[in-house]
Amino acid sequence: AEERAKELGAYCMAHIKKKDGPNARQLYRIFYYDCEPS
């Protein structure tokens, strides 16, 4: 669970870091949607 959470954070940040220069991105927030298990 810890590794997957860290991976998701890195994956999202890869989107932010993908652009630079005049198209550089600044992260506002990551919204995560899910359900607790039954």
PDB file of all heavy atoms in Angstrom:
ATOM      1  N   ALA A   1       0.829  -1.205   0.000  1.00  0.00           N
ATOM      2  CA  ALA A   1       0.000   0.000   0.000  1.00  0.00           C
ATOM      3  C   ALA A   1       0.864   1.257   0.000  1.00  0.00           C
ATOM      4  O   ALA A   1       0.589   2.227  -0.721  1.00  0.00           O
ATOM      5  CB  ALA A   1      -0.929  -0.017   1.208  1.00  0.00           C
ATOM      6  N   GLU A   2       1.925   1.255   0.797  1.00  0.00           N
ATOM      7  CA  GLU A   2       2.813   2.418   0.869  1.00  0.00           C
ATOM      8  C   GLU A   2       3.531   2.651  -0.455  1.00  0.00           C
ATOM      9  O   GLU A   2       3.648   3.786  -0.923  1.00  0.00           O
ATOM     10  CB  GLU A   2       3.833   2.233   1.987  1.00  0.00           C
ATOM     11  CG  GLU A   2       4.741   3.427   2.190  1.00  0.00           C
ATOM     12  CD  GLU A   2       5.735   3.239   3.327  1.00  0.00           C
ATOM     13  OE1 GLU A   2       5.728   2.158   3.940  1.00  0.00           O
ATOM     14  OE2 GLU A   2       6.503   4.186   3.601  1.00  0.00           O
ATOM     15  N   GLU A   3       3.995   1.574  -1.081  1.00  0.00           N
ATOM     16  CA  GLU A   3       4.696   1.687  -2.364  1.00  0.00           C
ATOM     17  C   GLU A   3       3.754   2.199  -3.456  1.00  0.00           C
ATOM     18  O   GLU A   3       4.144   3.033  -4.279  1.00  0.00           O
ATOM     19  CB  GLU A   3       5.272   0.333  -2.767  1.00  0.00           C
ATOM     20  CG  GLU A   3       6.455  -0.116  -1.919  1.00  0.00           C
ATOM     21  CD  GLU A   3       6.846  -1.555  -2.184  1.00  0.00           C
ATOM     22  OE1 GLU A   3       6.016  -2.319  -2.749  1.00  0.00           O
ATOM     23  OE2 GLU A   3       7.978  -1.939  -1.823  1.00  0.00           O
ATOM     24  N   ARG A   4       2.519   1.682  -3.476  1.00  0.00           N
ATOM     25  CA  ARG A   4       1.556   2.114  -4.495  1.00  0.00           C
ATOM     26  C   ARG A   4       1.189   3.581  -4.314  1.00  0.00           C
ATOM     27  O   ARG A   4       1.036   4.319  -5.284  1.00  0.00           O
ATOM     28  CB  ARG A   4       0.317   1.237  -4.429  1.00  0.00           C
ATOM     29  CG  ARG A   4      -0.729   1.521  -5.503  1.00  0.00           C
ATOM     30  CD  ARG A   4      -0.756   0.432  -6.564  1.00  0.00           C
ATOM     31  NE  ARG A   4       0.375   0.395  -7.445  1.00  0.00           N
ATOM     32  CZ  ARG A   4       0.767  -0.707  -8.126  1.00  0.00           C
ATOM     33  NH1 ARG A   4       0.108  -1.853  -7.987  1.00  0.00           N
ATOM     34  NH2 ARG A   4       1.799  -0.663  -8.932  1.00  0.00           N
ATOM     35  N   ALA A   5       1.037   4.027  -3.059  1.00  0.00           N
ATOM     36  CA  ALA A   5       0.721   5.429  -2.788  1.00  0.00           C
ATOM     37  C   ALA A   5       1.872   6.332  -3.238  1.00  0.00           C
ATOM     38  O   ALA A   5       1.640   7.396  -3.837  1.00  0.00           O
ATOM     39  CB  ALA A   5       0.433   5.619  -1.301  1.00  0.00           C
ATOM     40  N   LYS A   6       3.091   5.922  -2.949  1.00  0.00           N
ATOM     41  CA  LYS A   6       4.262   6.685  -3.376  1.00  0.00           C
ATOM     42  C   LYS A   6       4.339   6.736  -4.900  1.00  0.00           C
ATOM     43  O   LYS A   6       4.648   7.783  -5.489  1.00  0.00           O
ATOM     44  CB  LYS A   6       5.529   6.044  -2.806  1.00  0.00           C
ATOM     45  CG  LYS A   6       6.810   6.787  -3.148  1.00  0.00           C
ATOM     46  CD  LYS A   6       8.017   6.105  -2.528  1.00  0.00           C
ATOM     47  CE  LYS A   6       9.313   6.831  -2.902  1.00  0.00           C
ATOM     48  NZ  LYS A   6      10.496   6.150  -2.327  1.00  0.00           N
ATOM     49  N   GLU A   7       4.025   5.608  -5.537  1.00  0.00           N
ATOM     50  CA  GLU A   7       4.030   5.533  -6.999  1.00  0.00           C
ATOM     51  C   GLU A   7       3.004   6.493  -7.599  1.00  0.00           C
ATOM     52  O   GLU A   7       3.294   7.210  -8.556  1.00  0.00           O
ATOM     53  CB  GLU A   7       3.707   4.097  -7.418  1.00  0.00           C
ATOM     54  CG  GLU A   7       3.436   3.908  -8.909  1.00  0.00           C
ATOM     55  CD  GLU A   7       2.664   2.633  -9.144  1.00  0.00           C
ATOM     56  OE1 GLU A   7       3.305   1.581  -9.324  1.00  0.00           O
ATOM     57  OE2 GLU A   7       1.400   2.685  -9.142  1.00  0.00           O
ATOM     58  N   LEU A   8       1.801   6.533  -7.014  1.00  0.00           N
ATOM     59  CA  LEU A   8       0.763   7.422  -7.528  1.00  0.00           C
ATOM     60  C   LEU A   8       1.191   8.881  -7.408  1.00  0.00           C
ATOM     61  O   LEU A   8       0.986   9.680  -8.335  1.00  0.00           O
ATOM     62  CB  LEU A   8      -0.553   7.200  -6.778  1.00  0.00           C
ATOM     63  CG  LEU A   8      -1.691   8.173  -7.092  1.00  0.00           C
ATOM     64  CD1 LEU A   8      -1.981   8.208  -8.583  1.00  0.00           C
ATOM     65  CD2 LEU A   8      -2.942   7.800  -6.313  1.00  0.00           C
ATOM     66  N   GLY A   9       1.783   9.238  -6.276  1.00  0.00           N
ATOM     67  CA  GLY A   9       2.269  10.597  -6.113  1.00  0.00           C
ATOM     68  C   GLY A   9       3.306  10.957  -7.171  1.00  0.00           C
ATOM     69  O   GLY A   9       3.261  12.046  -7.759  1.00  0.00           O
ATOM     70  N   ALA A  10       4.222  10.040  -7.432  1.00  0.00           N
ATOM     71  CA  ALA A  10       5.259  10.273  -8.441  1.00  0.00           C
ATOM     72  C   ALA A  10       4.660  10.347  -9.840  1.00  0.00           C
ATOM     73  O   ALA A  10       5.092  11.151 -10.679  1.00  0.00           O
ATOM     74  CB  ALA A  10       6.312   9.170  -8.367  1.00  0.00           C
ATOM     75  N   TYR A  11       3.659   9.513 -10.092  1.00  0.00           N
ATOM     76  CA  TYR A  11       3.006   9.497 -11.401  1.00  0.00           C
ATOM     77  C   TYR A  11       2.321  10.842 -11.673  1.00  0.00           C
ATOM     78  O   TYR A  11       2.440  11.407 -12.766  1.00  0.00           O
ATOM     79  CB  TYR A  11       1.982   8.369 -11.457  1.00  0.00           C
ATOM     80  CG  TYR A  11       1.347   8.186 -12.820  1.00  0.00           C
ATOM     81  CD1 TYR A  11       1.979   7.438 -13.810  1.00  0.00           C
ATOM     82  CD2 TYR A  11       0.117   8.756 -13.117  1.00  0.00           C
ATOM     83  CE1 TYR A  11       1.408   7.287 -15.063  1.00  0.00           C
ATOM     84  CE2 TYR A  11      -0.461   8.613 -14.362  1.00  0.00           C
ATOM     85  CZ  TYR A  11       0.187   7.862 -15.337  1.00  0.00           C
ATOM     86  OH  TYR A  11      -0.385   7.718 -16.575  1.00  0.00           O
ATOM     87  N   CYS A  12       1.609  11.346 -10.672  1.00  0.00           N
ATOM     88  CA  CYS A  12       0.950  12.640 -10.824  1.00  0.00           C
ATOM     89  C   CYS A  12       1.958  13.769 -11.029  1.00  0.00           C
ATOM     90  O   CYS A  12       1.770  14.648 -11.876  1.00  0.00           O
ATOM     91  CB  CYS A  12       0.074  12.932  -9.602  1.00  0.00           C
ATOM     92  SG  CYS A  12      -1.394  11.882  -9.485  1.00  0.00           S
ATOM     93  N   MET A  13       3.044  13.738 -10.272  1.00  0.00           N
ATOM     94  CA  MET A  13       4.061  14.773 -10.399  1.00  0.00           C
ATOM     95  C   MET A  13       4.774  14.701 -11.750  1.00  0.00           C
ATOM     96  O   MET A  13       5.299  15.717 -12.235  1.00  0.00           O
ATOM     97  CB  MET A  13       5.065  14.687  -9.252  1.00  0.00           C
ATOM     98  CG  MET A  13       4.501  15.092  -7.899  1.00  0.00           C
ATOM     99  SD  MET A  13       3.661  16.709  -7.922  1.00  0.00           S
ATOM    100  CE  MET A  13       5.002  17.791  -8.406  1.00  0.00           C
ATOM    101  N   ALA A  14       4.788  13.518 -12.369  1.00  0.00           N
ATOM    102  CA  ALA A  14       5.375  13.400 -13.705  1.00  0.00           C
ATOM    103  C   ALA A  14       4.592  14.249 -14.705  1.00  0.00           C
ATOM    104  O   ALA A  14       5.151  14.791 -15.659  1.00  0.00           O
ATOM    105  CB  ALA A  14       5.398  11.937 -14.145  1.00  0.00           C
ATOM    106  N   HIS A  15       3.288  14.373 -14.484  1.00  0.00           N
ATOM    107  CA  HIS A  15       2.479  15.256 -15.323  1.00  0.00           C
ATOM    108  C   HIS A  15       2.916  16.712 -15.141  1.00  0.00           C
ATOM    109  O   HIS A  15       3.035  17.468 -16.111  1.00  0.00           O
ATOM    110  CB  HIS A  15       1.004  15.140 -14.929  1.00  0.00           C
ATOM    111  CG  HIS A  15       0.260  14.067 -15.660  1.00  0.00           C
ATOM    112  ND1 HIS A  15       0.006  14.125 -17.011  1.00  0.00           N
ATOM    113  CD2 HIS A  15      -0.301  12.906 -15.215  1.00  0.00           C
ATOM    114  CE1 HIS A  15      -0.684  13.050 -17.374  1.00  0.00           C
ATOM    115  NE2 HIS A  15      -0.876  12.300 -16.307  1.00  0.00           N
ATOM    116  N   ILE A  16       3.133  17.100 -13.889  1.00  0.00           N
ATOM    117  CA  ILE A  16       3.502  18.483 -13.590  1.00  0.00           C
ATOM    118  C   ILE A  16       4.871  18.818 -14.168  1.00  0.00           C
ATOM    119  O   ILE A  16       5.086  19.899 -14.739  1.00  0.00           O
ATOM    120  CB  ILE A  16       3.489  18.737 -12.065  1.00  0.00           C
ATOM    121  CG1 ILE A  16       2.101  18.456 -11.489  1.00  0.00           C
ATOM    122  CG2 ILE A  16       3.930  20.158 -11.748  1.00  0.00           C
ATOM    123  CD1 ILE A  16       1.000  19.310 -12.074  1.00  0.00           C
ATOM    124  N   LYS A  17       5.802  17.902 -14.041  1.00  0.00           N
ATOM    125  CA  LYS A  17       7.176  18.142 -14.474  1.00  0.00           C
ATOM    126  C   LYS A  17       7.358  18.014 -15.987  1.00  0.00           C
ATOM    127  O   LYS A  17       8.409  18.373 -16.525  1.00  0.00           O
ATOM    128  CB  LYS A  17       8.126  17.166 -13.770  1.00  0.00           C
ATOM    129  CG  LYS A  17       8.157  17.348 -12.248  1.00  0.00           C
ATOM    130  CD  LYS A  17       8.998  16.260 -11.596  1.00  0.00           C
ATOM    131  CE  LYS A  17       9.003  16.395 -10.079  1.00  0.00           C
ATOM    132  NZ  LYS A  17       9.764  15.303  -9.422  1.00  0.00           N
ATOM    133  N   LYS A  18       6.333  17.488 -16.659  1.00  0.00           N
ATOM    134  CA  LYS A  18       6.464  17.231 -18.096  1.00  0.00           C
ATOM    135  C   LYS A  18       6.599  18.515 -18.911  1.00  0.00           C
ATOM    136  O   LYS A  18       7.237  18.536 -19.955  1.00  0.00           O
ATOM    137  CB  LYS A  18       5.256  16.428 -18.586  1.00  0.00           C
ATOM    138  CG  LYS A  18       5.372  15.957 -20.022  1.00  0.00           C
ATOM    139  CD  LYS A  18       4.259  14.990 -20.389  1.00  0.00           C
ATOM    140  CE  LYS A  18       4.443  14.469 -21.818  1.00  0.00           C
ATOM    141  NZ  LYS A  18       3.405  13.502 -22.179  1.00  0.00           N
ATOM    142  N   LYS A  19       5.992  19.589 -18.439  1.00  0.00           N
ATOM    143  CA  LYS A  19       6.004  20.847 -19.170  1.00  0.00           C
ATOM    144  C   LYS A  19       6.947  21.849 -18.504  1.00  0.00           C
ATOM    145  O   LYS A  19       7.048  21.901 -17.278  1.00  0.00           O
ATOM    146  CB  LYS A  19       4.600  21.450 -19.226  1.00  0.00           C
ATOM    147  CG  LYS A  19       3.565  20.553 -19.893  1.00  0.00           C
ATOM    148  CD  LYS A  19       3.805  20.435 -21.384  1.00  0.00           C
ATOM    149  CE  LYS A  19       2.686  19.633 -22.040  1.00  0.00           C
ATOM    150  NZ  LYS A  19       2.878  19.538 -23.511  1.00  0.00           N
ATOM    151  N   ASP A  20       7.628  22.635 -19.312  1.00  0.00           N
ATOM    152  CA  ASP A  20       8.486  23.697 -18.762  1.00  0.00           C
ATOM    153  C   ASP A  20       8.355  24.947 -19.618  1.00  0.00           C
ATOM    154  O   ASP A  20       7.522  25.004 -20.527  1.00  0.00           O
ATOM    155  CB  ASP A  20       9.942  23.240 -18.671  1.00  0.00           C
ATOM    156  CG  ASP A  20      10.478  22.722 -20.003  1.00  0.00           C
ATOM    157  OD1 ASP A  20       9.857  23.033 -21.043  1.00  0.00           O
ATOM    158  OD2 ASP A  20      11.501  22.036 -20.009  1.00  0.00           O
ATOM    159  N   GLY A  21       9.147  25.941 -19.313  1.00  0.00           N
ATOM    160  CA  GLY A  21       9.084  27.186 -20.063  1.00  0.00           C
ATOM    161  C   GLY A  21       7.749  27.885 -19.870  1.00  0.00           C
ATOM    162  O   GLY A  21       7.159  27.863 -18.787  1.00  0.00           O
ATOM    163  N   PRO A  22       7.196  28.501 -20.929  1.00  0.00           N
ATOM    164  CA  PRO A  22       5.924  29.222 -20.803  1.00  0.00           C
ATOM    165  C   PRO A  22       4.739  28.305 -20.511  1.00  0.00           C
ATOM    166  O   PRO A  22       3.688  28.775 -20.073  1.00  0.00           O
ATOM    167  CB  PRO A  22       5.776  29.897 -22.178  1.00  0.00           C
ATOM    168  CG  PRO A  22       6.603  29.068 -23.103  1.00  0.00           C
ATOM    169  CD  PRO A  22       7.760  28.595 -22.288  1.00  0.00           C
ATOM    170  N   ASN A  23       4.914  27.006 -20.758  1.00  0.00           N
ATOM    171  CA  ASN A  23       3.842  26.035 -20.507  1.00  0.00           C
ATOM    172  C   ASN A  23       4.033  25.282 -19.193  1.00  0.00           C
ATOM    173  O   ASN A  23       3.378  24.260 -18.956  1.00  0.00           O
ATOM    174  CB  ASN A  23       3.758  25.025 -21.659  1.00  0.00           C
ATOM    175  CG  ASN A  23       3.351  25.673 -22.962  1.00  0.00           C
ATOM    176  OD1 ASN A  23       2.465  26.528 -22.988  1.00  0.00           O
ATOM    177  ND2 ASN A  23       4.007  25.295 -24.054  1.00  0.00           N
ATOM    178  N   ALA A  24       4.935  25.766 -18.338  1.00  0.00           N
ATOM    179  CA  ALA A  24       5.220  25.094 -17.073  1.00  0.00           C
ATOM    180  C   ALA A  24       3.963  25.005 -16.214  1.00  0.00           C
ATOM    181  O   ALA A  24       3.145  25.924 -16.163  1.00  0.00           O
ATOM    182  CB  ALA A  24       6.312  25.837 -16.320  1.00  0.00           C
ATOM    183  N   ARG A  25       3.811  23.861 -15.538  1.00  0.00           N
ATOM    184  CA  ARG A  25       2.631  23.615 -14.711  1.00  0.00           C
ATOM    185  C   ARG A  25       2.942  23.812 -13.232  1.00  0.00           C
ATOM    186  O   ARG A  25       4.020  23.471 -12.754  1.00  0.00           O
ATOM    187  CB  ARG A  25       2.119  22.193 -14.935  1.00  0.00           C
ATOM    188  CG  ARG A  25       1.513  21.966 -16.305  1.00  0.00           C
ATOM    189  CD  ARG A  25       1.261  20.504 -16.592  1.00  0.00           C
ATOM    190  NE  ARG A  25       0.570  20.315 -17.858  1.00  0.00           N
ATOM    191  CZ  ARG A  25       0.495  19.153 -18.510  1.00  0.00           C
ATOM    192  NH1 ARG A  25       1.073  18.077 -18.005  1.00  0.00           N
ATOM    193  NH2 ARG A  25      -0.154  19.075 -19.652  1.00  0.00           N
ATOM    194  N   GLN A  26       1.968  24.338 -12.528  1.00  0.00           N
ATOM    195  CA  GLN A  26       2.037  24.468 -11.074  1.00  0.00           C
ATOM    196  C   GLN A  26       0.894  23.645 -10.488  1.00  0.00           C
ATOM    197  O   GLN A  26      -0.268  23.836 -10.848  1.00  0.00           O
ATOM    198  CB  GLN A  26       1.893  25.932 -10.659  1.00  0.00           C
ATOM    199  CG  GLN A  26       1.861  26.139  -9.150  1.00  0.00           C
ATOM    200  CD  GLN A  26       1.577  27.590  -8.789  1.00  0.00           C
ATOM    201  OE1 GLN A  26       1.250  28.395  -9.654  1.00  0.00           O
ATOM    202  NE2 GLN A  26       1.694  27.908  -7.521  1.00  0.00           N
ATOM    203  N   LEU A  27       1.205  22.720  -9.585  1.00  0.00           N
ATOM    204  CA  LEU A  27       0.173  21.849  -9.030  1.00  0.00           C
ATOM    205  C   LEU A  27      -0.738  22.617  -8.085  1.00  0.00           C
ATOM    206  O   LEU A  27      -0.276  23.247  -7.132  1.00  0.00           O
ATOM    207  CB  LEU A  27       0.812  20.675  -8.281  1.00  0.00           C
ATOM    208  CG  LEU A  27      -0.178  19.702  -7.608  1.00  0.00           C
ATOM    209  CD1 LEU A  27      -1.051  19.012  -8.652  1.00  0.00           C
ATOM    210  CD2 LEU A  27       0.574  18.675  -6.769  1.00  0.00           C
ATOM    211  N   TYR A  28      -2.033  22.558  -8.342  1.00  0.00           N
ATOM    212  CA  TYR A  28      -3.021  23.126  -7.429  1.00  0.00           C
ATOM    213  C   TYR A  28      -3.358  22.101  -6.351  1.00  0.00           C
ATOM    214  O   TYR A  28      -3.207  22.350  -5.160  1.00  0.00           O
ATOM    215  CB  TYR A  28      -4.273  23.520  -8.201  1.00  0.00           C
ATOM    216  CG  TYR A  28      -5.425  23.942  -7.310  1.00  0.00           C
ATOM    217  CD1 TYR A  28      -5.387  25.142  -6.611  1.00  0.00           C
ATOM    218  CD2 TYR A  28      -6.544  23.127  -7.161  1.00  0.00           C
ATOM    219  CE1 TYR A  28      -6.432  25.526  -5.786  1.00  0.00           C
ATOM    220  CE2 TYR A  28      -7.598  23.505  -6.349  1.00  0.00           C
ATOM    221  CZ  TYR A  28      -7.535  24.699  -5.655  1.00  0.00           C
ATOM    222  OH  TYR A  28      -8.571  25.070  -4.841  1.00  0.00           O
ATOM    223  N   ARG A  29      -3.799  20.929  -6.763  1.00  0.00           N
ATOM    224  CA  ARG A  29      -4.118  19.861  -5.820  1.00  0.00           C
ATOM    225  C   ARG A  29      -4.387  18.581  -6.603  1.00  0.00           C
ATOM    226  O   ARG A  29      -4.752  18.620  -7.772  1.00  0.00           O
ATOM    227  CB  ARG A  29      -5.344  20.237  -4.977  1.00  0.00           C
ATOM    228  CG  ARG A  29      -5.619  19.289  -3.799  1.00  0.00           C
ATOM    229  CD  ARG A  29      -6.529  19.950  -2.773  1.00  0.00           C
ATOM    230  NE  ARG A  29      -5.835  21.035  -2.085  1.00  0.00           N
ATOM    231  CZ  ARG A  29      -6.358  22.238  -1.886  1.00  0.00           C
ATOM    232  NH1 ARG A  29      -7.562  22.528  -2.325  1.00  0.00           N
ATOM    233  NH2 ARG A  29      -5.668  23.156  -1.246  1.00  0.00           N
ATOM    234  N   ILE A  30      -4.183  17.442  -5.937  1.00  0.00           N
ATOM    235  CA  ILE A  30      -4.529  16.138  -6.508  1.00  0.00           C
ATOM    236  C   ILE A  30      -5.785  15.643  -5.798  1.00  0.00           C
ATOM    237  O   ILE A  30      -5.787  15.488  -4.577  1.00  0.00           O
ATOM    238  CB  ILE A  30      -3.385  15.128  -6.350  1.00  0.00           C
ATOM    239  CG1 ILE A  30      -2.118  15.624  -7.068  1.00  0.00           C
ATOM    240  CG2 ILE A  30      -3.794  13.754  -6.886  1.00  0.00           C
ATOM    241  CD1 ILE A  30      -0.869  14.819  -6.734  1.00  0.00           C
ATOM    242  N   PHE A  31      -6.840  15.423  -6.549  1.00  0.00           N
ATOM    243  CA  PHE A  31      -8.091  14.922  -5.996  1.00  0.00           C
ATOM    244  C   PHE A  31      -8.160  13.417  -6.274  1.00  0.00           C
ATOM    245  O   PHE A  31      -8.100  13.003  -7.436  1.00  0.00           O
ATOM    246  CB  PHE A  31      -9.285  15.620  -6.627  1.00  0.00           C
ATOM    247  CG  PHE A  31      -9.349  17.099  -6.340  1.00  0.00           C
ATOM    248  CD1 PHE A  31      -8.632  18.003  -7.121  1.00  0.00           C
ATOM    249  CD2 PHE A  31     -10.110  17.586  -5.294  1.00  0.00           C
ATOM    250  CE1 PHE A  31      -8.684  19.360  -6.863  1.00  0.00           C
ATOM    251  CE2 PHE A  31     -10.167  18.953  -5.022  1.00  0.00           C
ATOM    252  CZ  PHE A  31      -9.446  19.835  -5.813  1.00  0.00           C
ATOM    253  N   TYR A  32      -8.290  12.629  -5.215  1.00  0.00           N
ATOM    254  CA  TYR A  32      -8.308  11.171  -5.361  1.00  0.00           C
ATOM    255  C   TYR A  32      -9.686  10.632  -4.970  1.00  0.00           C
ATOM    256  O   TYR A  32     -10.172  10.888  -3.868  1.00  0.00           O
ATOM    257  CB  TYR A  32      -7.219  10.535  -4.487  1.00  0.00           C
ATOM    258  CG  TYR A  32      -7.192   9.025  -4.590  1.00  0.00           C
ATOM    259  CD1 TYR A  32      -6.561   8.404  -5.660  1.00  0.00           C
ATOM    260  CD2 TYR A  32      -7.824   8.235  -3.638  1.00  0.00           C
ATOM    261  CE1 TYR A  32      -6.556   7.026  -5.777  1.00  0.00           C
ATOM    262  CE2 TYR A  32      -7.824   6.851  -3.746  1.00  0.00           C
ATOM    263  CZ  TYR A  32      -7.193   6.261  -4.819  1.00  0.00           C
ATOM    264  OH  TYR A  32      -7.204   4.884  -4.945  1.00  0.00           O
ATOM    265  N   TYR A  33     -10.307   9.860  -5.872  1.00  0.00           N
ATOM    266  CA  TYR A  33     -11.670   9.357  -5.681  1.00  0.00           C
ATOM    267  C   TYR A  33     -11.655   7.834  -5.581  1.00  0.00           C
ATOM    268  O   TYR A  33     -11.095   7.144  -6.446  1.00  0.00           O
ATOM    269  CB  TYR A  33     -12.567   9.775  -6.849  1.00  0.00           C
ATOM    270  CG  TYR A  33     -12.540  11.258  -7.105  1.00  0.00           C
ATOM    271  CD1 TYR A  33     -11.537  11.816  -7.899  1.00  0.00           C
ATOM    272  CD2 TYR A  33     -13.484  12.103  -6.553  1.00  0.00           C
ATOM    273  CE1 TYR A  33     -11.483  13.185  -8.135  1.00  0.00           C
ATOM    274  CE2 TYR A  33     -13.448  13.475  -6.787  1.00  0.00           C
ATOM    275  CZ  TYR A  33     -12.441  14.004  -7.579  1.00  0.00           C
ATOM    276  OH  TYR A  33     -12.383  15.361  -7.809  1.00  0.00           O
ATOM    277  N   ASP A  34     -12.284   7.317  -4.541  1.00  0.00           N
ATOM    278  CA  ASP A  34     -12.278   5.866  -4.339  1.00  0.00           C
ATOM    279  C   ASP A  34     -13.404   5.489  -3.386  1.00  0.00           C
ATOM    280  O   ASP A  34     -14.197   6.348  -2.966  1.00  0.00           O
ATOM    281  CB  ASP A  34     -10.921   5.418  -3.775  1.00  0.00           C
ATOM    282  CG  ASP A  34     -10.539   4.016  -4.238  1.00  0.00           C
ATOM    283  OD1 ASP A  34     -11.447   3.199  -4.510  1.00  0.00           O
ATOM    284  OD2 ASP A  34      -9.325   3.735  -4.312  1.00  0.00           O
ATOM    285  N   CYS A  35     -13.470   4.206  -3.044  1.00  0.00           N
ATOM    286  CA  CYS A  35     -14.426   3.702  -2.050  1.00  0.00           C
ATOM    287  C   CYS A  35     -13.680   2.824  -1.055  1.00  0.00           C
ATOM    288  O   CYS A  35     -12.751   2.090  -1.436  1.00  0.00           O
ATOM    289  CB  CYS A  35     -15.518   2.860  -2.707  1.00  0.00           C
ATOM    290  SG  CYS A  35     -16.592   3.771  -3.819  1.00  0.00           S
ATOM    291  N   GLU A  36     -14.064   2.902   0.195  1.00  0.00           N
ATOM    292  CA  GLU A  36     -13.518   1.959   1.160  1.00  0.00           C
ATOM    293  C   GLU A  36     -14.034   0.561   0.830  1.00  0.00           C
ATOM    294  O   GLU A  36     -15.141   0.409   0.298  1.00  0.00           O
ATOM    295  CB  GLU A  36     -13.921   2.358   2.581  1.00  0.00           C
ATOM    296  CG  GLU A  36     -13.230   3.613   3.068  1.00  0.00           C
ATOM    297  CD  GLU A  36     -13.490   3.882   4.536  1.00  0.00           C
ATOM    298  OE1 GLU A  36     -14.410   3.251   5.105  1.00  0.00           O
ATOM    299  OE2 GLU A  36     -12.765   4.714   5.126  1.00  0.00           O
ATOM    300  N   PRO A  37     -13.249  -0.473   1.125  1.00  0.00           N
ATOM    301  CA  PRO A  37     -13.659  -1.845   0.765  1.00  0.00           C
ATOM    302  C   PRO A  37     -14.884  -2.301   1.545  1.00  0.00           C
ATOM    303  O   PRO A  37     -15.159  -1.826   2.640  1.00  0.00           O
ATOM    304  CB  PRO A  37     -12.424  -2.674   1.115  1.00  0.00           C
ATOM    305  CG  PRO A  37     -11.728  -1.887   2.174  1.00  0.00           C
ATOM    306  CD  PRO A  37     -11.951  -0.448   1.817  1.00  0.00           C
ATOM    307  N   SER A  38     -15.603  -3.245   0.953  1.00  0.00           N
ATOM    308  CA  SER A  38     -16.823  -3.761   1.576  1.00  0.00           C
ATOM    309  C   SER A  38     -16.501  -4.715   2.727  1.00  0.00           C
ATOM    310  O   SER A  38     -15.522  -5.470   2.669  1.00  0.00           O
ATOM    311  CB  SER A  38     -17.669  -4.501   0.529  1.00  0.00           C
ATOM    312  OG  SER A  38     -18.794  -5.106   1.122  1.00  0.00           O
TER     313      SER A  38
END
